Amino acid sequence: YADARSYARNSMESDPAFAGKCNLLIGLCYASSQPFSSSEYPAAKAAI
């Protein structure tokens, strides 16, 4: 997801016509990730 976001940002910078699609994709990258692990935080806090 992090790499996907990087390329998406470069895409809309290179061609603004892709800005809409790239923002959708970055949003999906965020929504699909679960970056906070219970190994780093208490389970309840990681969940929220």
All heavy atoms as atom14 arrays in JSON, in Angstrom:
{
  "sequence": "YADARSYARNSMESDPAFAGKCNLLIGLCYASSQPFSSSEYPAAKAAI",
  "atom14_mask": [
    [1, 1, 1, 1, 1, 1, 1, 1, 1, 1, 1, 1, 0, 0],
    [1, 1, 1, 1, 1, 0, 0, 0, 0, 0, 0, 0, 0, 0],
    [1, 1, 1, 1, 1, 1, 1, 1, 0, 0, 0, 0, 0, 0],
    [1, 1, 1, 1, 1, 0, 0, 0, 0, 0, 0, 0, 0, 0],
    [1, 1, 1, 1, 1, 1, 1, 1, 1, 1, 1, 0, 0, 0],
    [1, 1, 1, 1, 1, 1, 0, 0, 0, 0, 0, 0, 0, 0],
    [1, 1, 1, 1, 1, 1, 1, 1, 1, 1, 1, 1, 0, 0],
    [1, 1, 1, 1, 1, 0, 0, 0, 0, 0, 0, 0, 0, 0],
    [1, 1, 1, 1, 1, 1, 1, 1, 1, 1, 1, 0, 0, 0],
    [1, 1, 1, 1, 1, 1, 1, 1, 0, 0, 0, 0, 0, 0],
    [1, 1, 1, 1, 1, 1, 0, 0, 0, 0, 0, 0, 0, 0],
    [1, 1, 1, 1, 1, 1, 1, 1, 0, 0, 0, 0, 0, 0],
    [1, 1, 1, 1, 1, 1, 1, 1, 1, 0, 0, 0, 0, 0],
    [1, 1, 1, 1, 1, 1, 0, 0, 0, 0, 0, 0, 0, 0],
    [1, 1, 1, 1, 1, 1, 1, 1, 0, 0, 0, 0, 0, 0],
    [1, 1, 1, 1, 1, 1, 1, 0, 0, 0, 0, 0, 0, 0],
    [1, 1, 1, 1, 1, 0, 0, 0, 0, 0, 0, 0, 0, 0],
    [1, 1, 1, 1, 1, 1, 1, 1, 1, 1, 1, 0, 0, 0],
    [1, 1, 1, 1, 1, 0, 0, 0, 0, 0, 0, 0, 0, 0],
    [1, 1, 1, 1, 0, 0, 0, 0, 0, 0, 0, 0, 0, 0],
    [1, 1, 1, 1, 1, 1, 1, 1, 1, 0, 0, 0, 0, 0],
    [1, 1, 1, 1, 1, 1, 0, 0, 0, 0, 0, 0, 0, 0],
    [1, 1, 1, 1, 1, 1, 1, 1, 0, 0, 0, 0, 0, 0],
    [1, 1, 1, 1, 1, 1, 1, 1, 0, 0, 0, 0, 0, 0],
    [1, 1, 1, 1, 1, 1, 1, 1, 0, 0, 0, 0, 0, 0],
    [1, 1, 1, 1, 1, 1, 1, 1, 0, 0, 0, 0, 0, 0],
    [1, 1, 1, 1, 0, 0, 0, 0, 0, 0, 0, 0, 0, 0],
    [1, 1, 1, 1, 1, 1, 1, 1, 0, 0, 0, 0, 0, 0],
    [1, 1, 1, 1, 1, 1, 0, 0, 0, 0, 0, 0, 0, 0],
    [1, 1, 1, 1, 1, 1, 1, 1, 1, 1, 1, 1, 0, 0],
    [1, 1, 1, 1, 1, 0, 0, 0, 0, 0, 0, 0, 0, 0],
    [1, 1, 1, 1, 1, 1, 0, 0, 0, 0, 0, 0, 0, 0],
    [1, 1, 1, 1, 1, 1, 0, 0, 0, 0, 0, 0, 0, 0],
    [1, 1, 1, 1, 1, 1, 1, 1, 1, 0, 0, 0, 0, 0],
    [1, 1, 1, 1, 1, 1, 1, 0, 0, 0, 0, 0, 0, 0],
    [1, 1, 1, 1, 1, 1, 1, 1, 1, 1, 1, 0, 0, 0],
    [1, 1, 1, 1, 1, 1, 0, 0, 0, 0, 0, 0, 0, 0],
    [1, 1, 1, 1, 1, 1, 0, 0, 0, 0, 0, 0, 0, 0],
    [1, 1, 1, 1, 1, 1, 0, 0, 0, 0, 0, 0, 0, 0],
    [1, 1, 1, 1, 1, 1, 1, 1, 1, 0, 0, 0, 0, 0],
    [1, 1, 1, 1, 1, 1, 1, 1, 1, 1, 1, 1, 0, 0],
    [1, 1, 1, 1, 1, 1, 1, 0, 0, 0, 0, 0, 0, 0],
    [1, 1, 1, 1, 1, 0, 0, 0, 0, 0, 0, 0, 0, 0],
    [1, 1, 1, 1, 1, 0, 0, 0, 0, 0, 0, 0, 0, 0],
    [1, 1, 1, 1, 1, 1, 1, 1, 1, 0, 0, 0, 0, 0],
    [1, 1, 1, 1, 1, 0, 0, 0, 0, 0, 0, 0, 0, 0],
    [1, 1, 1, 1, 1, 0, 0, 0, 0, 0, 0, 0, 0, 0],
    [1, 1, 1, 1, 1, 1, 1, 1, 0, 0, 0, 0, 0, 0]
  ],
  "atom14_positions": [
    [[0.8, -1.22, 0.0], [0.0, 0.0, 0.0], [0.84, 1.27, 0.0], [0.49, 2.24, -0.68], [-0.96, -0.01, 1.19], [-1.89, -1.2, 1.2], [-1.98, -2.06, 2.3], [-2.69, -1.48, 0.09], [-2.84, -3.14, 2.3], [-3.55, -2.57, 0.08], [-3.61, -3.39, 1.2], [-4.46, -4.49, 1.18], [0.0, 0.0, 0.0], [0.0, 0.0, 0.0]],
    [[1.91, 1.29, 0.75], [2.75, 2.49, 0.8], [3.37, 2.77, -0.57], [3.41, 3.91, -1.04], [3.83, 2.35, 1.86], [0.0, 0.0, 0.0], [0.0, 0.0, 0.0], [0.0, 0.0, 0.0], [0.0, 0.0, 0.0], [0.0, 0.0, 0.0], [0.0, 0.0, 0.0], [0.0, 0.0, 0.0], [0.0, 0.0, 0.0], [0.0, 0.0, 0.0]],
    [[3.85, 1.7, -1.23], [4.43, 1.87, -2.57], [3.37, 2.28, -3.58], [3.62, 3.11, -4.47], [5.09, 0.56, -3.03], [6.32, 0.22, -2.21], [6.96, 1.15, -1.68], [6.67, -0.97, -2.12], [0.0, 0.0, 0.0], [0.0, 0.0, 0.0], [0.0, 0.0, 0.0], [0.0, 0.0, 0.0], [0.0, 0.0, 0.0], [0.0, 0.0, 0.0]],
    [[2.18, 1.71, -3.45], [1.09, 2.06, -4.36], [0.76, 3.54, -4.24], [0.54, 4.24, -5.24], [-0.13, 1.21, -4.05], [0.0, 0.0, 0.0], [0.0, 0.0, 0.0], [0.0, 0.0, 0.0], [0.0, 0.0, 0.0], [0.0, 0.0, 0.0], [0.0, 0.0, 0.0], [0.0, 0.0, 0.0], [0.0, 0.0, 0.0], [0.0, 0.0, 0.0]],
    [[0.71, 4.04, -2.98], [0.43, 5.47, -2.78], [1.5, 6.33, -3.43], [1.19, 7.35, -4.06], [0.33, 5.8, -1.29], [0.07, 7.27, -1.04], [-0.04, 7.6, 0.44], [1.22, 7.42, 1.15], [1.4, 7.73, 2.44], [0.38, 8.22, 3.15], [2.57, 7.55, 3.03], [0.0, 0.0, 0.0], [0.0, 0.0, 0.0], [0.0, 0.0, 0.0]],
    [[2.74, 5.93, -3.31], [3.84, 6.7, -3.88], [3.69, 6.83, -5.4], [3.83, 7.93, -5.96], [5.17, 6.04, -3.52], [6.24, 6.74, -4.11], [0.0, 0.0, 0.0], [0.0, 0.0, 0.0], [0.0, 0.0, 0.0], [0.0, 0.0, 0.0], [0.0, 0.0, 0.0], [0.0, 0.0, 0.0], [0.0, 0.0, 0.0], [0.0, 0.0, 0.0]],
    [[3.39, 5.72, -6.07], [3.21, 5.76, -7.52], [1.95, 6.53, -7.91], [1.93, 7.23, -8.94], [3.17, 4.34, -8.09], [4.56, 3.78, -8.34], [5.18, 2.97, -7.39], [5.24, 4.05, -9.52], [6.45, 2.46, -7.6], [6.52, 3.53, -9.75], [7.12, 2.75, -8.78], [8.38, 2.24, -9.0], [0.0, 0.0, 0.0], [0.0, 0.0, 0.0]],
    [[0.91, 6.44, -7.11], [-0.32, 7.17, -7.4], [-0.07, 8.68, -7.32], [-0.55, 9.46, -8.15], [-1.43, 6.76, -6.45], [0.0, 0.0, 0.0], [0.0, 0.0, 0.0], [0.0, 0.0, 0.0], [0.0, 0.0, 0.0], [0.0, 0.0, 0.0], [0.0, 0.0, 0.0], [0.0, 0.0, 0.0], [0.0, 0.0, 0.0], [0.0, 0.0, 0.0]],
    [[0.68, 9.1, -6.3], [1.01, 10.52, -6.18], [1.83, 10.99, -7.38], [1.61, 12.08, -7.93], [1.79, 10.77, -4.88], [0.91, 10.71, -3.63], [1.75, 10.81, -2.36], [0.93, 10.95, -1.16], [1.4, 10.93, 0.09], [2.72, 10.76, 0.3], [0.6, 11.08, 1.11], [0.0, 0.0, 0.0], [0.0, 0.0, 0.0], [0.0, 0.0, 0.0]],
    [[2.78, 10.17, -7.81], [3.59, 10.52, -8.98], [2.74, 10.58, -10.25], [2.99, 11.4, -11.14], [4.72, 9.51, -9.17], [5.79, 9.62, -8.1], [5.92, 10.67, -7.47], [6.53, 8.55, -7.88], [0.0, 0.0, 0.0], [0.0, 0.0, 0.0], [0.0, 0.0, 0.0], [0.0, 0.0, 0.0], [0.0, 0.0, 0.0], [0.0, 0.0, 0.0]],
    [[1.74, 9.7, -10.32], [0.87, 9.68, -11.5], [0.11, 10.98, -11.66], [0.11, 11.59, -12.73], [-0.12, 8.51, -11.39], [-1.09, 8.59, -12.41], [0.0, 0.0, 0.0], [0.0, 0.0, 0.0], [0.0, 0.0, 0.0], [0.0, 0.0, 0.0], [0.0, 0.0, 0.0], [0.0, 0.0, 0.0], [0.0, 0.0, 0.0], [0.0, 0.0, 0.0]],
    [[-0.55, 11.43, -10.58], [-1.34, 12.66, -10.73], [-0.46, 13.89, -10.84], [-0.88, 14.91, -11.4], [-2.37, 12.8, -9.6], [-1.88, 12.8, -8.21], [-3.32, 12.95, -7.07], [-2.75, 11.99, -5.68], [0.0, 0.0, 0.0], [0.0, 0.0, 0.0], [0.0, 0.0, 0.0], [0.0, 0.0, 0.0], [0.0, 0.0, 0.0], [0.0, 0.0, 0.0]],
    [[0.75, 13.81, -10.35], [1.69, 14.91, -10.55], [2.13, 14.97, -12.01], [2.26, 16.05, -12.59], [2.91, 14.73, -9.64], [3.89, 15.89, -9.73], [5.08, 15.72, -8.79], [5.02, 14.86, -7.88], [6.08, 16.43, -8.98], [0.0, 0.0, 0.0], [0.0, 0.0, 0.0], [0.0, 0.0, 0.0], [0.0, 0.0, 0.0], [0.0, 0.0, 0.0]],
    [[2.31, 13.79, -12.61], [2.72, 13.72, -14.02], [1.58, 14.09, -14.95], [1.8, 14.76, -15.97], [3.22, 12.3, -14.34], [3.58, 12.19, -15.7], [0.0, 0.0, 0.0], [0.0, 0.0, 0.0], [0.0, 0.0, 0.0], [0.0, 0.0, 0.0], [0.0, 0.0, 0.0], [0.0, 0.0, 0.0], [0.0, 0.0, 0.0], [0.0, 0.0, 0.0]],
    [[0.36, 13.66, -14.62], [-0.8, 13.94, -15.46], [-2.01, 14.18, -14.56], [-2.61, 13.23, -14.04], [-1.05, 12.76, -16.39], [-2.13, 13.05, -17.42], [-2.83, 14.07, -17.28], [-2.28, 12.25, -18.37], [0.0, 0.0, 0.0], [0.0, 0.0, 0.0], [0.0, 0.0, 0.0], [0.0, 0.0, 0.0], [0.0, 0.0, 0.0], [0.0, 0.0, 0.0]],
    [[-2.39, 15.44, -14.37], [-3.53, 15.76, -13.48], [-4.84, 15.08, -13.88], [-5.76, 15.0, -13.06], [-3.65, 17.29, -13.62], [-2.27, 17.74, -14.01], [-1.74, 16.65, -14.9], [0.0, 0.0, 0.0], [0.0, 0.0, 0.0], [0.0, 0.0, 0.0], [0.0, 0.0, 0.0], [0.0, 0.0, 0.0], [0.0, 0.0, 0.0], [0.0, 0.0, 0.0]],
    [[-4.91, 14.59, -15.12], [-6.14, 13.91, -15.55], [-6.39, 12.65, -14.73], [-7.52, 12.15, -14.69], [-6.05, 13.56, -17.03], [0.0, 0.0, 0.0], [0.0, 0.0, 0.0], [0.0, 0.0, 0.0], [0.0, 0.0, 0.0], [0.0, 0.0, 0.0], [0.0, 0.0, 0.0], [0.0, 0.0, 0.0], [0.0, 0.0, 0.0], [0.0, 0.0, 0.0]],
    [[-5.36, 12.12, -14.09], [-5.5, 10.91, -13.28], [-5.74, 11.21, -11.81], [-5.76, 10.29, -10.98], [-4.26, 10.02, -13.44], [-4.22, 9.26, -14.73], [-3.71, 9.84, -15.87], [-4.74, 7.98, -14.82], [-3.68, 9.16, -17.08], [-4.73, 7.29, -16.01], [-4.2, 7.88, -17.16], [0.0, 0.0, 0.0], [0.0, 0.0, 0.0], [0.0, 0.0, 0.0]],
    [[-5.93, 12.47, -11.46], [-6.06, 12.86, -10.05], [-7.24, 12.15, -9.38], [-7.12, 11.67, -8.24], [-6.19, 14.37, -9.93], [0.0, 0.0, 0.0], [0.0, 0.0, 0.0], [0.0, 0.0, 0.0], [0.0, 0.0, 0.0], [0.0, 0.0, 0.0], [0.0, 0.0, 0.0], [0.0, 0.0, 0.0], [0.0, 0.0, 0.0], [0.0, 0.0, 0.0]],
    [[-8.37, 12.1, -10.04], [-9.54, 11.46, -9.45], [-9.3, 10.0, -9.16], [-9.55, 9.52, -8.04], [0.0, 0.0, 0.0], [0.0, 0.0, 0.0], [0.0, 0.0, 0.0], [0.0, 0.0, 0.0], [0.0, 0.0, 0.0], [0.0, 0.0, 0.0], [0.0, 0.0, 0.0], [0.0, 0.0, 0.0], [0.0, 0.0, 0.0], [0.0, 0.0, 0.0]],
    [[-8.81, 9.27, -10.16], [-8.56, 7.84, -10.0], [-7.49, 7.58, -8.95], [-7.59, 6.61, -8.17], [-8.15, 7.24, -11.34], [-9.23, 7.28, -12.4], [-8.75, 6.77, -13.74], [-8.56, 5.27, -13.73], [-8.24, 4.74, -15.08], [0.0, 0.0, 0.0], [0.0, 0.0, 0.0], [0.0, 0.0, 0.0], [0.0, 0.0, 0.0], [0.0, 0.0, 0.0]],
    [[-6.47, 8.44, -8.91], [-5.39, 8.23, -7.95], [-5.86, 8.47, -6.52], [-5.47, 7.73, -5.59], [-4.22, 9.16, -8.28], [-3.29, 8.64, -9.75], [0.0, 0.0, 0.0], [0.0, 0.0, 0.0], [0.0, 0.0, 0.0], [0.0, 0.0, 0.0], [0.0, 0.0, 0.0], [0.0, 0.0, 0.0], [0.0, 0.0, 0.0], [0.0, 0.0, 0.0]],
    [[-6.71, 9.47, -6.31], [-7.24, 9.69, -4.96], [-8.13, 8.54, -4.52], [-8.1, 8.14, -3.35], [-8.01, 11.02, -4.91], [-7.08, 12.2, -4.66], [-6.44, 12.29, -3.62], [-7.01, 13.11, -5.62], [0.0, 0.0, 0.0], [0.0, 0.0, 0.0], [0.0, 0.0, 0.0], [0.0, 0.0, 0.0], [0.0, 0.0, 0.0], [0.0, 0.0, 0.0]],
    [[-8.9, 7.99, -5.45], [-9.7, 6.81, -5.12], [-8.79, 5.66, -4.68], [-9.06, 4.97, -3.68], [-10.51, 6.36, -6.33], [-11.78, 7.15, -6.68], [-12.41, 6.59, -7.95], [-12.79, 7.09, -5.53], [0.0, 0.0, 0.0], [0.0, 0.0, 0.0], [0.0, 0.0, 0.0], [0.0, 0.0, 0.0], [0.0, 0.0, 0.0], [0.0, 0.0, 0.0]],
    [[-7.71, 5.46, -5.44], [-6.81, 4.35, -5.15], [-6.11, 4.54, -3.8], [-5.98, 3.59, -3.01], [-5.79, 4.21, -6.28], [-4.85, 3.0, -6.18], [-5.64, 1.69, -6.18], [-3.85, 3.0, -7.33], [0.0, 0.0, 0.0], [0.0, 0.0, 0.0], [0.0, 0.0, 0.0], [0.0, 0.0, 0.0], [0.0, 0.0, 0.0], [0.0, 0.0, 0.0]],
    [[-5.67, 5.76, -3.53], [-5.01, 6.02, -2.24], [-6.0, 5.79, -1.1], [-5.65, 5.2, -0.06], [-4.45, 7.45, -2.2], [-3.29, 7.6, -3.21], [-3.95, 7.79, -0.79], [-2.8, 9.03, -3.38], [0.0, 0.0, 0.0], [0.0, 0.0, 0.0], [0.0, 0.0, 0.0], [0.0, 0.0, 0.0], [0.0, 0.0, 0.0], [0.0, 0.0, 0.0]],
    [[-7.23, 6.23, -1.3], [-8.25, 5.98, -0.29], [-8.44, 4.5, -0.03], [-8.58, 4.06, 1.13], [0.0, 0.0, 0.0], [0.0, 0.0, 0.0], [0.0, 0.0, 0.0], [0.0, 0.0, 0.0], [0.0, 0.0, 0.0], [0.0, 0.0, 0.0], [0.0, 0.0, 0.0], [0.0, 0.0, 0.0], [0.0, 0.0, 0.0], [0.0, 0.0, 0.0]],
    [[-8.44, 3.69, -1.09], [-8.58, 2.25, -0.92], [-7.37, 1.65, -0.24], [-7.48, 0.68, 0.53], [-8.8, 1.6, -2.3], [-10.16, 1.86, -2.95], [-10.19, 1.3, -4.37], [-11.29, 1.25, -2.12], [0.0, 0.0, 0.0], [0.0, 0.0, 0.0], [0.0, 0.0, 0.0], [0.0, 0.0, 0.0], [0.0, 0.0, 0.0], [0.0, 0.0, 0.0]],
    [[-6.19, 2.22, -0.52], [-4.98, 1.75, 0.17], [-5.13, 1.95, 1.68], [-4.8, 1.06, 2.48], [-3.75, 2.5, -0.33], [-3.2, 2.05, -1.98], [0.0, 0.0, 0.0], [0.0, 0.0, 0.0], [0.0, 0.0, 0.0], [0.0, 0.0, 0.0], [0.0, 0.0, 0.0], [0.0, 0.0, 0.0], [0.0, 0.0, 0.0], [0.0, 0.0, 0.0]],
    [[-5.63, 3.13, 2.08], [-5.82, 3.4, 3.51], [-6.87, 2.47, 4.1], [-6.67, 1.86, 5.17], [-6.26, 4.86, 3.72], [-5.21, 5.89, 3.37], [-5.55, 7.23, 3.24], [-3.87, 5.53, 3.19], [-4.61, 8.2, 2.94], [-2.92, 6.49, 2.88], [-3.29, 7.82, 2.75], [-2.34, 8.76, 2.44], [0.0, 0.0, 0.0], [0.0, 0.0, 0.0]],
    [[-7.99, 2.36, 3.4], [-9.11, 1.57, 3.93], [-8.76, 0.09, 4.02], [-9.33, -0.63, 4.85], [-10.33, 1.76, 3.04], [0.0, 0.0, 0.0], [0.0, 0.0, 0.0], [0.0, 0.0, 0.0], [0.0, 0.0, 0.0], [0.0, 0.0, 0.0], [0.0, 0.0, 0.0], [0.0, 0.0, 0.0], [0.0, 0.0, 0.0], [0.0, 0.0, 0.0]],
    [[-7.84, -0.38, 3.18], [-7.51, -1.8, 3.14], [-6.41, -2.17, 4.14], [-6.17, -3.36, 4.39], [-7.04, -2.19, 1.73], [-8.05, -1.92, 0.78], [0.0, 0.0, 0.0], [0.0, 0.0, 0.0], [0.0, 0.0, 0.0], [0.0, 0.0, 0.0], [0.0, 0.0, 0.0], [0.0, 0.0, 0.0], [0.0, 0.0, 0.0], [0.0, 0.0, 0.0]],
    [[-5.75, -1.16, 4.66], [-4.62, -1.46, 5.55], [-5.08, -1.53, 7.0], [-6.08, -0.93, 7.39], [-3.54, -0.38, 5.41], [-4.02, 0.85, 5.9], [0.0, 0.0, 0.0], [0.0, 0.0, 0.0], [0.0, 0.0, 0.0], [0.0, 0.0, 0.0], [0.0, 0.0, 0.0], [0.0, 0.0, 0.0], [0.0, 0.0, 0.0], [0.0, 0.0, 0.0]],
    [[-4.36, -2.28, 7.77], [-4.56, -2.36, 9.23], [-3.17, -2.16, 9.84], [-2.53, -3.11, 10.31], [-5.14, -3.71, 9.62], [-6.54, -3.98, 9.09], [-7.59, -3.2, 9.86], [-7.8, -3.42, 11.05], [-8.25, -2.26, 9.18], [0.0, 0.0, 0.0], [0.0, 0.0, 0.0], [0.0, 0.0, 0.0], [0.0, 0.0, 0.0], [0.0, 0.0, 0.0]],
    [[-2.7, -0.91, 9.87], [-1.29, -0.68, 10.23], [-0.97, -0.78, 11.71], [0.21, -0.84, 12.08], [-1.05, 0.75, 9.73], [-2.39, 1.41, 9.8], [-3.38, 0.34, 9.48], [0.0, 0.0, 0.0], [0.0, 0.0, 0.0], [0.0, 0.0, 0.0], [0.0, 0.0, 0.0], [0.0, 0.0, 0.0], [0.0, 0.0, 0.0], [0.0, 0.0, 0.0]],
    [[-2.02, -0.79, 12.55], [-1.74, -0.79, 13.99], [-1.92, -2.2, 14.54], [-3.03, -2.75, 14.53], [-2.65, 0.21, 14.7], [-2.49, 1.61, 14.17], [-3.41, 2.13, 13.27], [-1.4, 2.38, 14.55], [-3.27, 3.41, 12.77], [-1.24, 3.67, 14.06], [-2.17, 4.19, 13.16], [0.0, 0.0, 0.0], [0.0, 0.0, 0.0], [0.0, 0.0, 0.0]],
    [[-0.83, -2.75, 15.03], [-0.83, -4.15, 15.45], [-0.97, -4.27, 16.97], [-0.5, -3.42, 17.73], [0.49, -4.8, 15.01], [0.66, -6.05, 15.6], [0.0, 0.0, 0.0], [0.0, 0.0, 0.0], [0.0, 0.0, 0.0], [0.0, 0.0, 0.0], [0.0, 0.0, 0.0], [0.0, 0.0, 0.0], [0.0, 0.0, 0.0], [0.0, 0.0, 0.0]],
    [[-1.61, -5.35, 17.38], [-1.77, -5.61, 18.82], [-0.44, -5.98, 19.46], [-0.32, -6.03, 20.68], [-2.78, -6.73, 19.04], [-2.38, -7.9, 18.37], [0.0, 0.0, 0.0], [0.0, 0.0, 0.0], [0.0, 0.0, 0.0], [0.0, 0.0, 0.0], [0.0, 0.0, 0.0], [0.0, 0.0, 0.0], [0.0, 0.0, 0.0], [0.0, 0.0, 0.0]],
    [[0.56, -6.23, 18.64], [1.89, -6.51, 19.2], [2.57, -5.2, 19.64], [3.52, -5.23, 20.43], [2.77, -7.21, 18.17], [2.97, -6.4, 17.03], [0.0, 0.0, 0.0], [0.0, 0.0, 0.0], [0.0, 0.0, 0.0], [0.0, 0.0, 0.0], [0.0, 0.0, 0.0], [0.0, 0.0, 0.0], [0.0, 0.0, 0.0], [0.0, 0.0, 0.0]],
    [[2.07, -4.08, 19.09], [2.63, -2.78, 19.46], [1.75, -2.03, 20.44], [2.24, -1.21, 21.22], [2.81, -1.92, 18.2], [3.75, -2.5, 17.16], [3.84, -1.62, 15.93], [4.32, -0.48, 16.05], [3.39, -2.06, 14.86], [0.0, 0.0, 0.0], [0.0, 0.0, 0.0], [0.0, 0.0, 0.0], [0.0, 0.0, 0.0], [0.0, 0.0, 0.0]],
    [[0.46, -2.29, 20.41], [-0.5, -1.59, 21.26], [-1.39, -2.62, 21.94], [-1.55, -3.75, 21.45], [-1.38, -0.65, 20.43], [-0.62, 0.39, 19.64], [-0.25, 0.14, 18.31], [-0.3, 1.61, 20.21], [0.44, 1.1, 17.58], [0.4, 2.58, 19.49], [0.76, 2.32, 18.17], [1.44, 3.25, 17.45], [0.0, 0.0, 0.0], [0.0, 0.0, 0.0]],
    [[-1.99, -2.2, 23.03], [-3.04, -3.06, 23.6], [-4.1, -3.34, 22.54], [-4.37, -2.48, 21.69], [-3.59, -2.22, 24.75], [-2.48, -1.28, 25.11], [-1.76, -0.98, 23.83], [0.0, 0.0, 0.0], [0.0, 0.0, 0.0], [0.0, 0.0, 0.0], [0.0, 0.0, 0.0], [0.0, 0.0, 0.0], [0.0, 0.0, 0.0], [0.0, 0.0, 0.0]],
    [[-4.7, -4.5, 22.59], [-5.63, -4.92, 21.54], [-6.75, -3.91, 21.34], [-7.12, -3.57, 20.21], [-6.2, -6.3, 21.88], [0.0, 0.0, 0.0], [0.0, 0.0, 0.0], [0.0, 0.0, 0.0], [0.0, 0.0, 0.0], [0.0, 0.0, 0.0], [0.0, 0.0, 0.0], [0.0, 0.0, 0.0], [0.0, 0.0, 0.0], [0.0, 0.0, 0.0]],
    [[-7.33, -3.38, 22.43], [-8.44, -2.45, 22.32], [-8.01, -1.16, 21.63], [-8.73, -0.59, 20.8], [-9.02, -2.15, 23.69], [0.0, 0.0, 0.0], [0.0, 0.0, 0.0], [0.0, 0.0, 0.0], [0.0, 0.0, 0.0], [0.0, 0.0, 0.0], [0.0, 0.0, 0.0], [0.0, 0.0, 0.0], [0.0, 0.0, 0.0], [0.0, 0.0, 0.0]],
    [[-6.79, -0.69, 22.0], [-6.3, 0.56, 21.4], [-5.96, 0.35, 19.93], [-6.25, 1.21, 19.1], [-5.08, 1.06, 22.16], [-4.62, 2.43, 21.68], [-3.49, 2.98, 22.54], [-3.09, 4.37, 22.08], [-2.0, 4.93, 22.91], [0.0, 0.0, 0.0], [0.0, 0.0, 0.0], [0.0, 0.0, 0.0], [0.0, 0.0, 0.0], [0.0, 0.0, 0.0]],
    [[-5.34, -0.79, 19.6], [-5.01, -1.08, 18.2], [-6.27, -1.11, 17.36], [-6.3, -0.61, 16.23], [-4.26, -2.41, 18.11], [0.0, 0.0, 0.0], [0.0, 0.0, 0.0], [0.0, 0.0, 0.0], [0.0, 0.0, 0.0], [0.0, 0.0, 0.0], [0.0, 0.0, 0.0], [0.0, 0.0, 0.0], [0.0, 0.0, 0.0], [0.0, 0.0, 0.0]],
    [[-7.34, -1.67, 17.95], [-8.6, -1.78, 17.2], [-9.16, -0.41, 16.87], [-9.62, -0.15, 15.74], [-9.61, -2.6, 18.0], [0.0, 0.0, 0.0], [0.0, 0.0, 0.0], [0.0, 0.0, 0.0], [0.0, 0.0, 0.0], [0.0, 0.0, 0.0], [0.0, 0.0, 0.0], [0.0, 0.0, 0.0], [0.0, 0.0, 0.0], [0.0, 0.0, 0.0]],
    [[-9.17, 0.51, 17.88], [-9.73, 1.83, 17.6], [-8.82, 2.65, 16.7], [-9.28, 3.43, 15.86], [-10.07, 2.59, 18.91], [-10.95, 3.81, 18.57], [-8.81, 3.01, 19.64], [-11.54, 4.48, 19.78], [0.0, 0.0, 0.0], [0.0, 0.0, 0.0], [0.0, 0.0, 0.0], [0.0, 0.0, 0.0], [0.0, 0.0, 0.0], [0.0, 0.0, 0.0]]
  ]
}
